[in-house]
């Protein structure tokens, strides 16, 4: 069979690309090949089953700042198709989106099935063929007709004028692309929590509070991120069963993906539970409290805006008893408490990833892709969209936006 376009990968990028191609040029014969029994499985589990479709950052030059890899390359594409265009796409098809406080955007239904149903209805309406349980064995230029691609699948041989790869983090497909001459940047985890076993946070699971954090290697040297800056971040931090997570941690895991992989995820994290203060300021305030609150029991007061359970734990590690009054605290007590509040250093041993929403850094080298069309610079009529490329983002709907933008621009190039 000869198709105009074969799309390899039945996920978010694959379906969006197919819909855009068939919309922009209904004459083209398009097929999606999915190796699994079901399509859009990652969409189903994303955002805790709600599907975080994009982020309410509508300015391209600001949007690119959420991409540790792909920031420079995505600036132009986002001027063609940005988050506002994503909102319009779904609303035109009866899927209303809502913005949450942190800027993440979800369907108003709070169900990823709404997005899946939208995509399935569109592909059916547009006549896009979807082949499931259809694994790709190899992709190569046809020996008989140089203008065609041969795609050998578990369901037989297919031919196509153009091929779009939207398989995400698929080592077998990357291996085939390498055989076609493409450079594949090795895979590392991009979004993960830090594993910490430490009595100072034992029993505090579920505590969330603003914090500023810095990362150091085990020799005490500051860790550098891919953009050359020191590994530091500020934002909500969540204490979990395994260690620490939350936006501040996930941001560092994304920007420091390669550096932390090189360290085998063995490093130190310094946490300031009072991000608005330096240690000297906290120590000065504690000394004032020793005088002004002299007769009060320390455990009965909470002078800083941090969760009560965390405050009690910090008092314990500073060797302050539940009966002690402020007046009874020594300078050593005050010094220890100020350090526990602003310079708590923990050893990180390993990582924990979100298995359902696994995001990785790595993939096709961006230097080998023309971002005006998303076509391979090495292989004519071979295109890419989504996480098959070495592009990834922090959490918040940005990875999906990369898929939508790439799919739209691929479709624009192919439809013409």
Protein backbone atom coordinates (compact mmCIF):
# COMPACT_ATOMS: atom_id res chain seq x y z
CA UNK A 1 0.00 0.00 0.00
CA UNK A 2 1.18 3.50 -0.77
CA UNK A 3 0.23 6.36 1.55
CA UNK A 4 0.92 10.05 1.21
CA UNK A 5 1.95 10.19 4.87
CA UNK A 6 2.84 7.50 7.42
CA UNK A 7 2.95 8.68 11.02
CA UNK A 8 4.88 6.34 13.31
CA UNK A 9 3.52 6.65 16.86
CA UNK A 10 -0.08 6.87 18.06
CA UNK A 11 0.44 9.33 20.89
CA UNK A 12 -0.30 13.03 21.35
CA UNK A 13 2.13 14.29 18.70
CA UNK A 14 1.11 11.61 16.19
CA UNK A 15 -2.61 12.26 16.42
CA UNK A 16 -2.27 16.04 16.41
CA UNK A 17 0.01 15.89 13.36
CA UNK A 18 -2.42 13.60 11.51
CA UNK A 19 -5.41 15.83 12.32
CA UNK A 20 -3.56 18.94 11.16
CA UNK A 21 -2.37 17.31 7.90
CA UNK A 22 -5.85 16.02 7.05
CA UNK A 23 -7.41 19.37 7.97
CA UNK A 24 -4.96 21.45 5.92
CA UNK A 25 -5.01 19.08 2.91
CA UNK A 26 -7.98 16.64 2.93
CA UNK A 27 -6.74 14.98 -0.26
CA UNK A 28 -3.77 13.36 1.47
CA UNK A 29 -3.97 9.71 2.49
CA UNK A 30 -2.70 9.52 6.10
CA UNK A 31 -2.14 6.52 8.39
CA UNK A 32 -1.02 6.36 12.05
CA UNK A 33 0.96 3.27 13.11
CA UNK A 34 0.84 2.38 16.83
CA UNK A 35 2.76 -0.61 18.18
CA UNK A 36 0.44 -1.00 21.21
CA UNK A 37 -3.12 -2.25 21.37
CA UNK A 38 -4.34 1.21 22.41
CA UNK A 39 -3.57 4.73 21.25
CA UNK A 40 -2.98 7.91 23.31
CA UNK A 41 -2.02 5.95 26.46
CA UNK A 42 0.27 8.71 27.75
CA UNK A 43 -2.47 11.31 27.24
CA UNK A 44 -4.78 9.14 29.35
CA UNK A 45 -2.53 9.15 32.45
CA UNK A 46 -1.07 12.66 32.07
CA UNK A 47 -1.84 15.26 34.70
CA UNK A 48 -3.13 12.61 37.07
CA UNK A 49 -5.71 11.52 34.49
CA UNK A 50 -6.82 15.11 33.80
CA UNK A 51 -4.44 15.87 30.88
CA UNK A 52 -2.50 19.10 31.33
CA UNK A 53 -2.81 20.12 27.65
CA UNK A 54 -0.80 23.36 27.74
CA UNK A 55 0.24 26.30 29.92
CA UNK A 56 -1.28 29.78 30.08
CA UNK A 57 1.93 31.47 28.94
CA UNK A 58 0.95 33.06 25.65
CA UNK A 59 4.17 34.95 24.85
CA UNK A 60 6.59 32.79 22.80
CA UNK A 61 9.76 34.39 24.19
CA UNK A 62 8.56 33.64 27.74
CA UNK A 63 7.21 30.18 26.91
CA UNK A 64 10.60 28.94 25.65
CA UNK A 65 12.14 29.57 29.08
CA UNK A 66 10.47 26.40 30.36
CA UNK A 67 12.48 24.16 28.01
CA UNK A 68 15.93 23.10 29.28
CA UNK A 69 16.53 21.48 25.88
CA UNK A 70 14.96 23.11 22.83
CA UNK A 71 14.74 26.66 24.15
CA UNK A 72 16.55 28.27 21.21
CA UNK A 73 14.99 26.01 18.55
CA UNK A 74 11.37 26.48 19.72
CA UNK A 75 11.35 30.28 19.66
CA UNK A 76 10.49 30.46 15.93
CA UNK A 77 7.94 27.61 15.96
CA UNK A 78 6.12 29.16 18.95
CA UNK A 79 5.64 32.34 16.92
CA UNK A 80 3.79 30.14 14.38
CA UNK A 81 1.74 27.99 16.77
CA UNK A 82 1.65 28.83 20.49
CA UNK A 83 -0.49 28.01 23.54
CA UNK A 84 -3.23 30.41 22.44
CA UNK A 85 -3.56 28.43 19.20
CA UNK A 86 -3.85 25.23 21.23
CA UNK A 87 -6.74 26.71 23.23
CA UNK A 88 -8.44 27.77 19.99
CA UNK A 89 -7.98 24.28 18.44
CA UNK A 90 -9.74 22.55 21.32
CA UNK A 91 -12.46 25.16 21.79
CA UNK A 92 -13.33 25.01 18.07
CA UNK A 93 -13.98 21.30 18.63
CA UNK A 94 -16.15 21.80 21.70
CA UNK A 95 -13.46 21.15 24.34
CA UNK A 96 -13.38 24.06 26.79
CA UNK A 97 -10.16 24.52 28.76
CA UNK A 98 -9.62 26.12 32.17
CA UNK A 99 -6.60 27.82 33.74
CA UNK A 100 -5.51 26.80 37.24
CA UNK A 101 -3.69 29.10 39.67
CA UNK A 102 -0.24 27.91 38.62
CA UNK A 103 -1.00 28.47 34.92
CA UNK A 104 -1.58 24.84 33.98
CA UNK A 105 -4.50 24.32 31.59
CA UNK A 106 -6.87 21.34 31.72
CA UNK A 107 -10.14 20.43 30.01
CA UNK A 108 -13.07 21.72 32.06
CA UNK A 109 -14.26 18.13 32.34
CA UNK A 110 -11.13 17.33 34.41
CA UNK A 111 -10.80 14.15 32.36
CA UNK A 112 -8.12 13.19 29.83
CA UNK A 113 -10.77 11.08 28.10
CA UNK A 114 -12.24 14.35 26.76
CA UNK A 115 -9.01 14.98 24.84
CA UNK A 116 -8.81 11.37 23.65
CA UNK A 117 -12.43 11.43 22.45
CA UNK A 118 -11.76 14.70 20.61
CA UNK A 119 -8.75 13.23 18.77
CA UNK A 120 -10.51 9.97 17.91
CA UNK A 121 -13.58 11.81 16.61
CA UNK A 122 -11.41 14.12 14.47
CA UNK A 123 -9.34 11.33 12.90
CA UNK A 124 -12.49 9.38 12.09
CA UNK A 125 -14.21 12.42 10.60
CA UNK A 126 -11.12 13.30 8.53
CA UNK A 127 -10.60 9.74 7.28
CA UNK A 128 -7.23 9.19 8.96
CA UNK A 129 -6.48 5.46 9.17
CA UNK A 130 -5.24 4.16 12.58
CA UNK A 131 -3.39 0.81 12.70
CA UNK A 132 -2.90 -0.54 16.24
CA UNK A 133 -0.68 -3.51 17.22
CA UNK A 134 1.47 -2.38 14.31
CA UNK A 135 5.12 -2.34 15.34
CA UNK A 136 7.68 -0.85 12.94
CA UNK A 137 10.60 -3.16 12.12
CA UNK A 138 12.53 -0.75 9.92
CA UNK A 139 12.27 2.46 7.93
CA UNK A 140 14.37 2.97 4.82
CA UNK A 141 14.36 4.64 1.44
CA UNK A 142 12.76 2.45 -1.22
CA UNK A 143 15.26 0.68 -3.47
CA UNK A 144 12.75 0.73 -6.33
CA UNK A 145 11.48 4.29 -6.08
CA UNK A 146 13.73 6.96 -4.56
CA UNK A 147 10.73 9.24 -3.84
CA UNK A 148 9.16 6.65 -1.48
CA UNK A 149 9.90 5.34 1.99
CA UNK A 150 9.57 1.65 2.83
CA UNK A 151 8.14 0.95 6.31
CA UNK A 152 8.28 -2.72 7.28
CA UNK A 153 5.70 -3.40 10.00
CA UNK A 154 4.41 -6.41 11.94
CA UNK A 155 1.40 -6.20 9.60
CA UNK A 156 3.40 -6.11 6.38
CA UNK A 157 5.22 -3.65 4.14
CA UNK A 158 3.90 -0.11 3.64
CA UNK A 159 5.15 2.63 1.32
CA UNK A 160 4.81 6.36 1.76
CA UNK A 161 5.91 9.64 0.21
CA UNK A 162 6.53 11.16 3.63
CA UNK A 163 7.16 9.70 7.10
CA UNK A 164 6.65 11.49 10.42
CA UNK A 165 8.26 10.03 13.56
CA UNK A 166 6.32 10.78 16.76
CA UNK A 167 7.36 7.81 18.90
CA UNK A 168 8.70 9.70 21.93
CA UNK A 169 11.38 7.86 23.91
CA UNK A 170 11.56 4.67 21.84
CA UNK A 171 15.09 3.15 21.72
CA UNK A 172 14.24 0.83 18.80
CA UNK A 173 13.11 3.74 16.62
CA UNK A 174 16.14 5.80 17.68
CA UNK A 175 18.34 2.88 16.61
CA UNK A 176 16.71 2.92 13.16
CA UNK A 177 17.15 6.68 12.90
CA UNK A 178 20.82 6.26 13.81
CA UNK A 179 21.14 3.78 10.91
CA UNK A 180 19.72 6.52 8.67
CA UNK A 181 22.60 8.75 9.81
CA UNK A 182 21.00 10.69 12.67
CA UNK A 183 22.84 11.44 15.92
CA UNK A 184 20.91 10.29 18.97
CA UNK A 185 21.63 12.15 22.23
CA UNK A 186 21.69 9.48 25.00
CA UNK A 187 18.62 9.18 27.19
CA UNK A 188 18.51 10.42 30.79
CA UNK A 189 15.57 11.05 33.15
CA UNK A 190 14.40 14.66 33.18
CA UNK A 191 11.62 14.95 35.79
CA UNK A 192 12.27 13.15 39.07
CA UNK A 193 12.18 13.54 42.85
CA UNK A 194 15.30 13.40 45.05
CA UNK A 195 15.67 10.37 47.34
CA UNK A 196 16.72 11.35 50.87
CA UNK A 197 16.82 9.18 54.00
CA UNK A 198 17.25 11.56 56.92
CA UNK A 199 15.78 11.71 60.43
CA UNK A 200 15.26 15.48 59.99
CA UNK A 201 12.41 14.89 57.53
CA UNK A 202 11.15 11.53 58.81
CA UNK A 203 7.44 11.66 59.56
CA UNK A 204 6.92 14.88 57.57
CA UNK A 205 5.42 13.27 54.44
CA UNK A 206 2.91 15.61 52.82
CA UNK A 207 4.41 18.82 54.24
CA UNK A 208 4.62 21.46 51.52
CA UNK A 209 6.22 24.86 51.95
CA UNK A 210 8.02 27.54 49.91
CA UNK A 211 11.79 27.02 49.95
CA UNK A 212 14.94 27.92 48.08
CA UNK A 213 17.36 25.12 47.27
CA UNK A 214 20.93 24.78 45.99
CA UNK A 215 22.71 21.66 44.73
CA UNK A 216 26.34 20.69 45.39
CA UNK A 217 28.44 17.70 44.42
CA UNK A 218 29.73 15.50 47.22
CA UNK A 219 32.94 17.56 47.41
CA UNK A 220 30.91 20.69 48.14
CA UNK A 221 31.25 22.32 44.71
CA UNK A 222 28.15 24.02 43.26
CA UNK A 223 26.54 21.94 40.47
CA UNK A 224 26.18 23.74 37.14
CA UNK A 225 23.04 23.44 34.99
CA UNK A 226 23.00 23.10 31.20
CA UNK A 227 22.58 26.85 30.84
CA UNK A 228 25.83 27.36 32.81
CA UNK A 229 24.11 28.74 35.91
CA UNK A 230 24.46 27.34 39.41
CA UNK A 231 21.85 24.75 40.32
CA UNK A 232 19.45 26.74 42.48
CA UNK A 233 15.70 27.23 42.48
CA UNK A 234 12.93 28.72 44.58
CA UNK A 235 9.34 27.56 44.88
CA UNK A 236 7.07 25.06 46.64
CA UNK A 237 8.90 22.05 48.07
CA UNK A 238 7.07 18.84 49.03
CA UNK A 239 8.39 16.27 51.51
CA UNK A 240 7.52 12.75 50.33
CA UNK A 241 8.04 9.15 51.49
CA UNK A 242 11.20 9.05 49.37
CA UNK A 243 12.64 12.48 50.03
CA UNK A 244 11.73 15.80 48.41
CA UNK A 245 9.69 16.79 45.37
CA UNK A 246 7.53 19.73 44.26
CA UNK A 247 8.03 22.44 41.60
CA UNK A 248 11.39 23.66 42.97
CA UNK A 249 12.86 20.14 42.84
CA UNK A 250 11.34 19.18 39.47
CA UNK A 251 12.70 22.38 37.93
CA UNK A 252 16.22 21.45 39.05
CA UNK A 253 15.80 17.83 37.93
CA UNK A 254 14.91 19.05 34.44
CA UNK A 255 17.59 21.72 34.08
CA UNK A 256 20.21 19.53 35.76
CA UNK A 257 19.22 16.26 34.03
CA UNK A 258 22.63 15.58 32.48
CA UNK A 259 24.75 16.92 35.34
CA UNK A 260 22.85 14.84 37.91
CA UNK A 261 23.03 11.72 35.72
CA UNK A 262 26.82 12.20 35.48
CA UNK A 263 26.93 12.22 39.31
CA UNK A 264 24.87 9.01 39.32
CA UNK A 265 22.25 10.93 41.34
CA UNK A 266 24.60 11.16 44.37
CA UNK A 267 24.86 14.78 45.51
CA UNK A 268 23.96 17.24 48.28
CA UNK A 269 21.02 19.62 48.52
CA UNK A 270 20.95 22.70 50.75
CA UNK A 271 17.46 23.87 51.71
CA UNK A 272 16.46 27.28 53.02
CA UNK A 273 12.99 26.82 54.55
CA UNK A 274 12.73 30.64 54.82
CA UNK A 275 13.55 31.79 51.27
CA UNK A 276 12.99 35.46 52.13
CA UNK A 277 15.74 35.37 54.80
CA UNK A 278 19.51 34.84 55.06
CA UNK A 279 20.96 32.99 58.03
CA UNK A 280 22.32 36.18 59.64
CA UNK A 281 18.86 37.79 59.53
CA UNK A 282 17.25 34.71 61.10
CA UNK A 283 19.91 34.52 63.82
CA UNK A 284 19.36 38.20 64.61
CA UNK A 285 15.59 37.66 64.86
CA UNK A 286 16.04 34.61 67.10
CA UNK A 287 18.22 36.65 69.46
CA UNK A 288 15.49 39.29 69.66
CA UNK A 289 12.92 36.57 70.42
CA UNK A 290 15.10 35.30 73.26
CA UNK A 291 14.54 38.68 74.91
CA UNK A 292 11.04 39.66 73.79
CA UNK A 293 9.49 36.17 74.27
CA UNK A 294 11.75 35.22 77.21
CA UNK A 295 9.06 33.56 79.37
CA UNK A 296 7.33 31.67 76.56
CA UNK A 297 7.94 28.00 75.78
CA UNK A 298 9.69 27.79 72.40
CA UNK A 299 7.47 24.89 71.21
CA UNK A 300 4.37 27.00 71.89
CA UNK A 301 5.42 29.76 69.50
CA UNK A 302 6.02 29.75 65.75
CA UNK A 303 7.65 33.04 64.74
CA UNK A 304 8.12 32.07 61.08
CA UNK A 305 5.54 31.15 58.47
CA UNK A 306 6.42 27.48 58.10
CA UNK A 307 4.29 24.36 58.75
CA UNK A 308 3.99 23.45 62.43
CA UNK A 309 5.27 19.88 61.98
CA UNK A 310 8.38 21.16 60.22
CA UNK A 311 8.98 23.80 62.94
CA UNK A 312 8.80 21.17 65.68
CA UNK A 313 11.23 18.91 63.80
CA UNK A 314 13.71 21.77 63.33
CA UNK A 315 13.54 22.54 67.06
CA UNK A 316 14.28 18.89 67.82
CA UNK A 317 17.31 18.72 65.54
CA UNK A 318 18.57 21.95 67.16
CA UNK A 319 18.44 20.06 70.50
CA UNK A 320 15.75 22.31 71.97
CA UNK A 321 13.47 20.45 74.40
CA UNK A 322 9.69 20.79 74.56
CA UNK A 323 9.94 22.44 78.00
CA UNK A 324 12.56 25.08 77.22
CA UNK A 325 11.70 28.79 77.30
CA UNK A 326 13.20 31.30 74.90
CA UNK A 327 15.29 32.80 77.69
CA UNK A 328 16.92 29.40 78.30
CA UNK A 329 18.31 29.03 74.80
CA UNK A 330 22.07 29.29 74.48
CA UNK A 331 23.89 30.95 71.58
CA UNK A 332 24.67 27.41 70.34
CA UNK A 333 20.93 26.63 70.26
CA UNK A 334 20.22 29.80 68.30
CA UNK A 335 23.08 29.15 65.87
CA UNK A 336 21.92 25.57 65.23
CA UNK A 337 18.30 26.65 64.74
CA UNK A 338 19.23 29.43 62.32
CA UNK A 339 21.27 26.92 60.28
CA UNK A 340 18.47 24.31 60.38
CA UNK A 341 16.05 26.97 59.07
CA UNK A 342 18.23 28.38 56.28
CA UNK A 343 21.11 26.00 55.48
CA UNK A 344 19.82 22.47 56.03
CA UNK A 345 22.08 20.19 53.96
CA UNK A 346 20.92 16.69 52.99
CA UNK A 347 22.57 13.83 51.12
CA UNK A 348 20.66 12.74 47.99
CA UNK A 349 21.03 9.07 47.04
CA UNK A 350 19.13 8.34 43.85
CA UNK A 351 15.90 9.46 42.24
CA UNK A 352 12.26 8.44 41.88
CA UNK A 353 10.48 9.08 38.59
CA UNK A 354 6.82 9.49 37.73
CA UNK A 355 6.40 6.17 35.94
CA UNK A 356 3.17 7.09 34.12
CA UNK A 357 4.40 10.55 33.14
CA UNK A 358 8.01 9.65 32.46
CA UNK A 359 9.78 12.59 30.81
CA UNK A 360 13.28 12.19 29.43
CA UNK A 361 16.08 14.27 27.97
CA UNK A 362 17.64 12.83 24.85
CA UNK A 363 16.69 11.94 21.31
CA UNK A 364 17.41 13.16 17.79
CA UNK A 365 20.09 15.87 17.82
CA UNK A 366 18.38 19.22 17.21
CA UNK A 367 21.18 20.37 14.90
CA UNK A 368 19.96 17.80 12.37
CA UNK A 369 16.40 19.18 12.12
CA UNK A 370 15.09 22.17 10.15
CA UNK A 371 12.76 23.88 12.63
CA UNK A 372 10.95 25.83 9.92
CA UNK A 373 9.44 22.51 8.76
CA UNK A 374 10.60 19.93 11.37
CA UNK A 375 12.09 17.97 8.46
CA UNK A 376 15.32 16.02 8.81
CA UNK A 377 18.32 17.83 7.33
CA UNK A 378 19.79 14.43 6.46
CA UNK A 379 16.80 12.55 5.01
CA UNK A 380 14.36 14.23 2.66
CA UNK A 381 10.64 13.74 3.49
CA UNK A 382 11.38 12.48 7.02
CA UNK A 383 9.86 14.62 9.79
CA UNK A 384 9.78 14.65 13.60
CA UNK A 385 7.36 15.87 16.28
CA UNK A 386 7.25 15.54 20.07
CA UNK A 387 9.75 13.93 22.43
CA UNK A 388 11.51 11.79 19.80
CA UNK A 389 13.72 14.89 19.51
CA UNK A 390 16.10 16.08 22.23
CA UNK A 391 13.47 18.49 23.58
CA UNK A 392 11.91 18.38 27.03
CA UNK A 393 10.36 20.79 29.49
CA UNK A 394 9.58 21.36 33.13
CA UNK A 395 6.22 20.10 34.36
CA UNK A 396 3.12 22.19 33.62
CA UNK A 397 1.80 21.37 30.14
CA UNK A 398 4.93 22.42 28.26
CA UNK A 399 5.82 19.00 26.85
CA UNK A 400 2.38 18.72 25.25
CA UNK A 401 2.72 22.23 23.81
CA UNK A 402 5.94 21.11 22.12
CA UNK A 403 4.00 18.19 20.58
CA UNK A 404 1.16 20.42 19.32
CA UNK A 405 3.51 23.03 17.86
CA UNK A 406 5.69 20.46 16.10
CA UNK A 407 2.64 18.62 14.73
CA UNK A 408 1.17 21.83 13.34
CA UNK A 409 4.39 22.90 11.57
CA UNK A 410 5.01 19.41 10.15
CA UNK A 411 1.45 19.46 8.80
CA UNK A 412 1.95 22.91 7.31
CA UNK A 413 5.06 21.72 5.47
CA UNK A 414 3.48 18.46 4.25
CA UNK A 415 0.09 19.92 3.32
CA UNK A 416 1.74 22.44 1.00
